[in-house]
Amino acid sequence: MSFKKNIVFLLFLFSFFTALSQEKGTGPKEKSVSTQRKIQKKERLEAREKRRKEKAERKAIKKHHKRLQTKKVRKRMKQSKTKSNLNNDNRREPFFKRLFKKKKRKK
């Protein structure tokens, strides 16, 4: 009787240790879908905040640069900006501007 108990006990221990060894993995633990979503959401929010800060910094630099210029220079900058926007959009100057523009002399 004790021999049978010993065999049953050994089989029980053997199965218990194999179950434990299968439980532990050598690789990284698998993350659940909800935790992955939380991590991704956190990363998205951080990236959005970083972009927002960079945009605000660029805007502040541009504003400071404009403030340093004189009134005439600011006006000239505005005119050149509108002209470049027209050129980039492949549009002509407005009709009255073209009409009253000084003509170039031909030699």
N, C-alpha and C. Protein backbone atom coordinates (compact mmCIF):
# COMPACT_ATOMS: atom_id res chain seq x y z
N MET A 1 0.80 -1.18 0.00
CA MET A 1 0.00 0.00 0.00
C MET A 1 0.85 1.26 0.00
N SER A 2 1.89 1.25 0.76
CA SER A 2 2.75 2.43 0.82
C SER A 2 3.48 2.63 -0.51
N PHE A 3 3.76 1.53 -1.21
CA PHE A 3 4.42 1.64 -2.52
C PHE A 3 3.51 2.38 -3.51
N LYS A 4 2.23 2.06 -3.50
CA LYS A 4 1.27 2.72 -4.39
C LYS A 4 1.13 4.20 -4.01
N LYS A 5 1.13 4.48 -2.71
CA LYS A 5 1.03 5.88 -2.27
C LYS A 5 2.25 6.68 -2.73
N ASN A 6 3.43 6.03 -2.64
CA ASN A 6 4.65 6.71 -3.07
C ASN A 6 4.63 7.01 -4.58
N ILE A 7 4.16 6.07 -5.35
CA ILE A 7 4.09 6.26 -6.81
C ILE A 7 3.10 7.37 -7.16
N VAL A 8 1.96 7.34 -6.52
CA VAL A 8 0.94 8.39 -6.75
C VAL A 8 1.51 9.74 -6.33
N PHE A 9 2.19 9.77 -5.21
CA PHE A 9 2.78 11.02 -4.72
C PHE A 9 3.84 11.54 -5.69
N LEU A 10 4.70 10.65 -6.20
CA LEU A 10 5.73 11.05 -7.16
C LEU A 10 5.12 11.55 -8.47
N LEU A 11 4.08 10.86 -8.94
CA LEU A 11 3.40 11.31 -10.16
C LEU A 11 2.78 12.69 -9.95
N PHE A 12 2.19 12.89 -8.79
CA PHE A 12 1.59 14.18 -8.47
C PHE A 12 2.65 15.28 -8.46
N LEU A 13 3.80 15.02 -7.81
CA LEU A 13 4.88 16.01 -7.77
C LEU A 13 5.42 16.29 -9.17
N PHE A 14 5.60 15.24 -9.96
CA PHE A 14 6.13 15.39 -11.31
C PHE A 14 5.20 16.26 -12.15
N SER A 15 3.90 15.98 -12.08
CA SER A 15 2.95 16.77 -12.86
C SER A 15 2.89 18.21 -12.35
N PHE A 16 3.01 18.42 -11.05
CA PHE A 16 2.98 19.76 -10.46
C PHE A 16 4.17 20.59 -10.94
N PHE A 17 5.39 20.00 -10.93
CA PHE A 17 6.57 20.74 -11.35
C PHE A 17 6.58 21.01 -12.85
N THR A 18 6.06 20.10 -13.64
CA THR A 18 5.99 20.36 -15.08
C THR A 18 5.00 21.47 -15.38
N ALA A 19 3.91 21.53 -14.61
CA ALA A 19 2.93 22.61 -14.81
C ALA A 19 3.55 23.96 -14.45
N LEU A 20 4.35 24.00 -13.39
CA LEU A 20 5.01 25.25 -13.00
C LEU A 20 6.04 25.67 -14.03
N SER A 21 6.78 24.70 -14.56
CA SER A 21 7.82 25.04 -15.54
C SER A 21 7.20 25.54 -16.84
N GLN A 22 6.02 25.07 -17.17
CA GLN A 22 5.36 25.55 -18.37
C GLN A 22 4.77 26.94 -18.17
N GLU A 23 4.46 27.29 -16.95
CA GLU A 23 3.87 28.59 -16.68
C GLU A 23 4.87 29.71 -16.89
N LYS A 24 6.09 29.52 -16.45
CA LYS A 24 7.10 30.56 -16.59
C LYS A 24 7.61 30.60 -18.01
N GLY A 25 7.60 31.80 -18.58
CA GLY A 25 8.10 31.95 -19.93
C GLY A 25 9.42 32.69 -19.92
N THR A 26 10.24 32.45 -20.90
CA THR A 26 11.52 33.14 -20.97
C THR A 26 11.38 34.47 -21.68
N GLY A 27 10.36 34.61 -22.52
CA GLY A 27 10.16 35.83 -23.27
C GLY A 27 9.38 36.86 -22.46
N PRO A 28 9.11 38.01 -23.10
CA PRO A 28 8.34 39.04 -22.39
C PRO A 28 6.89 38.62 -22.19
N LYS A 29 6.29 39.15 -21.14
CA LYS A 29 4.90 38.81 -20.86
C LYS A 29 4.00 39.42 -21.92
N GLU A 30 2.96 38.71 -22.26
CA GLU A 30 1.99 39.22 -23.22
C GLU A 30 1.10 40.23 -22.52
N LYS A 31 0.88 41.36 -23.22
CA LYS A 31 0.05 42.40 -22.64
C LYS A 31 -1.37 42.24 -23.16
N SER A 32 -2.31 42.56 -22.33
CA SER A 32 -3.69 42.46 -22.77
C SER A 32 -4.02 43.61 -23.71
N VAL A 33 -5.09 43.47 -24.44
CA VAL A 33 -5.48 44.47 -25.44
C VAL A 33 -5.77 45.80 -24.77
N SER A 34 -6.42 45.78 -23.63
CA SER A 34 -6.78 47.03 -22.96
C SER A 34 -5.54 47.78 -22.48
N THR A 35 -4.54 47.06 -21.97
CA THR A 35 -3.33 47.75 -21.54
C THR A 35 -2.57 48.31 -22.73
N GLN A 36 -2.56 47.59 -23.85
CA GLN A 36 -1.90 48.11 -25.05
C GLN A 36 -2.60 49.37 -25.54
N ARG A 37 -3.94 49.37 -25.51
CA ARG A 37 -4.69 50.57 -25.92
C ARG A 37 -4.38 51.75 -25.02
N LYS A 38 -4.29 51.49 -23.72
CA LYS A 38 -3.98 52.57 -22.78
C LYS A 38 -2.60 53.14 -23.07
N ILE A 39 -1.64 52.28 -23.35
CA ILE A 39 -0.27 52.72 -23.64
C ILE A 39 -0.24 53.53 -24.93
N GLN A 40 -0.95 53.04 -25.96
CA GLN A 40 -0.99 53.76 -27.23
C GLN A 40 -1.67 55.11 -27.08
N LYS A 41 -2.74 55.17 -26.30
CA LYS A 41 -3.45 56.43 -26.09
C LYS A 41 -2.53 57.43 -25.38
N LYS A 42 -1.80 56.94 -24.39
CA LYS A 42 -0.87 57.80 -23.66
C LYS A 42 0.21 58.34 -24.60
N GLU A 43 0.74 57.48 -25.46
CA GLU A 43 1.77 57.91 -26.42
C GLU A 43 1.21 58.94 -27.38
N ARG A 44 -0.03 58.72 -27.86
CA ARG A 44 -0.66 59.68 -28.78
C ARG A 44 -0.84 61.04 -28.12
N LEU A 45 -1.29 61.04 -26.87
CA LEU A 45 -1.49 62.29 -26.15
C LEU A 45 -0.16 63.03 -25.94
N GLU A 46 0.89 62.27 -25.61
CA GLU A 46 2.21 62.89 -25.43
C GLU A 46 2.72 63.48 -26.73
N ALA A 47 2.54 62.76 -27.84
CA ALA A 47 2.99 63.26 -29.13
C ALA A 47 2.21 64.51 -29.52
N ARG A 48 0.90 64.49 -29.27
CA ARG A 48 0.06 65.65 -29.60
C ARG A 48 0.49 66.87 -28.80
N GLU A 49 0.77 66.66 -27.51
CA GLU A 49 1.21 67.76 -26.65
C GLU A 49 2.56 68.30 -27.11
N LYS A 50 3.45 67.40 -27.51
CA LYS A 50 4.77 67.82 -27.99
C LYS A 50 4.63 68.67 -29.26
N ARG A 51 3.77 68.21 -30.20
CA ARG A 51 3.54 68.99 -31.43
C ARG A 51 2.95 70.36 -31.11
N ARG A 52 2.02 70.39 -30.14
CA ARG A 52 1.38 71.65 -29.76
C ARG A 52 2.42 72.63 -29.21
N LYS A 53 3.33 72.13 -28.37
CA LYS A 53 4.37 72.98 -27.79
C LYS A 53 5.32 73.50 -28.87
N GLU A 54 5.71 72.61 -29.80
CA GLU A 54 6.61 73.03 -30.88
C GLU A 54 5.96 74.10 -31.75
N LYS A 55 4.68 73.93 -32.05
CA LYS A 55 3.96 74.90 -32.87
C LYS A 55 3.89 76.25 -32.16
N ALA A 56 3.60 76.23 -30.87
CA ALA A 56 3.53 77.47 -30.10
C ALA A 56 4.89 78.16 -30.06
N GLU A 57 5.95 77.36 -29.95
CA GLU A 57 7.30 77.94 -29.93
C GLU A 57 7.64 78.59 -31.26
N ARG A 58 7.31 77.90 -32.38
CA ARG A 58 7.56 78.48 -33.71
C ARG A 58 6.77 79.77 -33.90
N LYS A 59 5.53 79.77 -33.42
CA LYS A 59 4.68 80.95 -33.54
C LYS A 59 5.27 82.12 -32.75
N ALA A 60 5.76 81.83 -31.54
CA ALA A 60 6.35 82.88 -30.71
C ALA A 60 7.60 83.46 -31.36
N ILE A 61 8.41 82.59 -31.97
CA ILE A 61 9.63 83.07 -32.65
C ILE A 61 9.26 83.97 -33.81
N LYS A 62 8.26 83.55 -34.60
CA LYS A 62 7.82 84.33 -35.74
C LYS A 62 7.27 85.69 -35.29
N LYS A 63 6.48 85.68 -34.22
CA LYS A 63 5.91 86.92 -33.70
C LYS A 63 7.01 87.86 -33.22
N HIS A 64 8.00 87.32 -32.55
CA HIS A 64 9.13 88.13 -32.08
C HIS A 64 9.90 88.73 -33.25
N HIS A 65 10.10 87.93 -34.29
CA HIS A 65 10.82 88.40 -35.47
C HIS A 65 10.06 89.55 -36.14
N LYS A 66 8.74 89.40 -36.24
CA LYS A 66 7.93 90.47 -36.84
C LYS A 66 7.97 91.73 -36.01
N ARG A 67 7.94 91.58 -34.69
CA ARG A 67 7.92 92.73 -33.80
C ARG A 67 9.21 93.55 -33.90
N LEU A 68 10.30 92.89 -34.26
CA LEU A 68 11.58 93.60 -34.38
C LEU A 68 11.64 94.50 -35.61
N GLN A 69 10.80 94.24 -36.60
CA GLN A 69 10.85 94.99 -37.86
C GLN A 69 10.13 96.33 -37.73
N THR A 70 10.54 97.26 -38.61
CA THR A 70 9.85 98.56 -38.62
C THR A 70 8.51 98.40 -39.33
N LYS A 71 7.71 99.48 -39.29
CA LYS A 71 6.38 99.43 -39.87
C LYS A 71 6.46 99.26 -41.39
N LYS A 72 7.39 99.94 -42.03
CA LYS A 72 7.55 99.82 -43.49
C LYS A 72 7.96 98.41 -43.90
N VAL A 73 8.86 97.86 -43.13
CA VAL A 73 9.33 96.51 -43.45
C VAL A 73 8.20 95.49 -43.27
N ARG A 74 7.40 95.66 -42.20
CA ARG A 74 6.27 94.75 -41.99
C ARG A 74 5.28 94.82 -43.16
N LYS A 75 5.05 96.05 -43.66
CA LYS A 75 4.15 96.22 -44.79
C LYS A 75 4.71 95.53 -46.03
N ARG A 76 6.00 95.71 -46.26
CA ARG A 76 6.64 95.08 -47.42
C ARG A 76 6.62 93.56 -47.29
N MET A 77 6.82 93.04 -46.07
CA MET A 77 6.76 91.60 -45.84
C MET A 77 5.36 91.06 -46.15
N LYS A 78 4.35 91.81 -45.73
CA LYS A 78 2.97 91.38 -45.98
C LYS A 78 2.68 91.36 -47.48
N GLN A 79 3.13 92.38 -48.19
CA GLN A 79 2.91 92.44 -49.64
C GLN A 79 3.62 91.29 -50.35
N SER A 80 4.84 91.04 -49.97
CA SER A 80 5.58 89.96 -50.63
C SER A 80 4.96 88.59 -50.30
N LYS A 81 4.41 88.47 -49.10
CA LYS A 81 3.76 87.21 -48.73
C LYS A 81 2.52 86.97 -49.59
N THR A 82 1.70 88.01 -49.76
CA THR A 82 0.50 87.85 -50.59
C THR A 82 0.87 87.57 -52.04
N LYS A 83 1.90 88.23 -52.52
CA LYS A 83 2.34 88.01 -53.90
C LYS A 83 2.85 86.58 -54.08
N SER A 84 3.61 86.09 -53.11
CA SER A 84 4.12 84.72 -53.21
C SER A 84 2.99 83.70 -53.14
N ASN A 85 1.97 83.99 -52.32
CA ASN A 85 0.82 83.09 -52.25
C ASN A 85 0.09 83.04 -53.59
N LEU A 86 -0.04 84.19 -54.25
CA LEU A 86 -0.67 84.21 -55.58
C LEU A 86 0.15 83.39 -56.57
N ASN A 87 1.45 83.58 -56.54
CA ASN A 87 2.33 82.84 -57.46
C ASN A 87 2.26 81.34 -57.19
N ASN A 88 2.23 80.96 -55.93
CA ASN A 88 2.18 79.54 -55.58
C ASN A 88 0.87 78.90 -56.00
N ASP A 89 -0.21 79.69 -55.98
CA ASP A 89 -1.52 79.17 -56.40
C ASP A 89 -1.75 79.31 -57.90
N ASN A 90 -0.75 79.79 -58.63
CA ASN A 90 -0.83 80.00 -60.09
C ASN A 90 -1.99 80.92 -60.46
N ARG A 91 -2.10 82.02 -59.74
CA ARG A 91 -3.15 83.01 -60.02
C ARG A 91 -2.51 84.32 -60.45
N ARG A 92 -3.26 85.09 -61.25
CA ARG A 92 -2.78 86.39 -61.69
C ARG A 92 -3.08 87.44 -60.64
N GLU A 93 -2.46 88.61 -60.81
CA GLU A 93 -2.77 89.73 -59.94
C GLU A 93 -4.18 90.21 -60.24
N PRO A 94 -4.84 90.87 -59.27
CA PRO A 94 -6.19 91.38 -59.54
C PRO A 94 -6.20 92.37 -60.71
N PHE A 95 -7.37 92.51 -61.33
CA PHE A 95 -7.53 93.31 -62.54
C PHE A 95 -7.09 94.75 -62.36
N PHE A 96 -7.54 95.42 -61.28
CA PHE A 96 -7.21 96.83 -61.10
C PHE A 96 -5.73 97.04 -60.81
N LYS A 97 -5.11 96.09 -60.16
CA LYS A 97 -3.66 96.20 -59.93
C LYS A 97 -2.92 96.14 -61.25
N ARG A 98 -3.36 95.21 -62.12
CA ARG A 98 -2.71 95.10 -63.43
C ARG A 98 -2.99 96.33 -64.27
N LEU A 99 -4.19 96.90 -64.15
CA LEU A 99 -4.59 98.04 -64.96
C LEU A 99 -3.78 99.29 -64.62
N PHE A 100 -3.57 99.54 -63.34
CA PHE A 100 -2.88 100.76 -62.92
C PHE A 100 -1.41 100.56 -62.59
N LYS A 101 -0.88 99.44 -62.96
CA LYS A 101 0.53 99.16 -62.73
C LYS A 101 1.36 99.95 -63.73
N LYS A 102 2.54 100.39 -63.31
CA LYS A 102 3.42 101.09 -64.24
C LYS A 102 3.93 100.09 -65.26
N LYS A 103 3.86 100.48 -66.51
CA LYS A 103 4.30 99.60 -67.59
C LYS A 103 5.81 99.66 -67.72
N LYS A 104 6.40 98.57 -68.09
CA LYS A 104 7.84 98.54 -68.34
C LYS A 104 8.13 99.13 -69.69
N ARG A 105 9.16 99.90 -69.77
CA ARG A 105 9.55 100.49 -71.06
C ARG A 105 10.28 99.47 -71.90
N LYS A 106 9.95 99.44 -73.16
CA LYS A 106 10.67 98.56 -74.07
C LYS A 106 11.76 99.36 -74.74
N LYS A 107 12.90 98.81 -74.87
CA LYS A 107 14.04 99.51 -75.49
C LYS A 107 14.13 99.22 -76.94
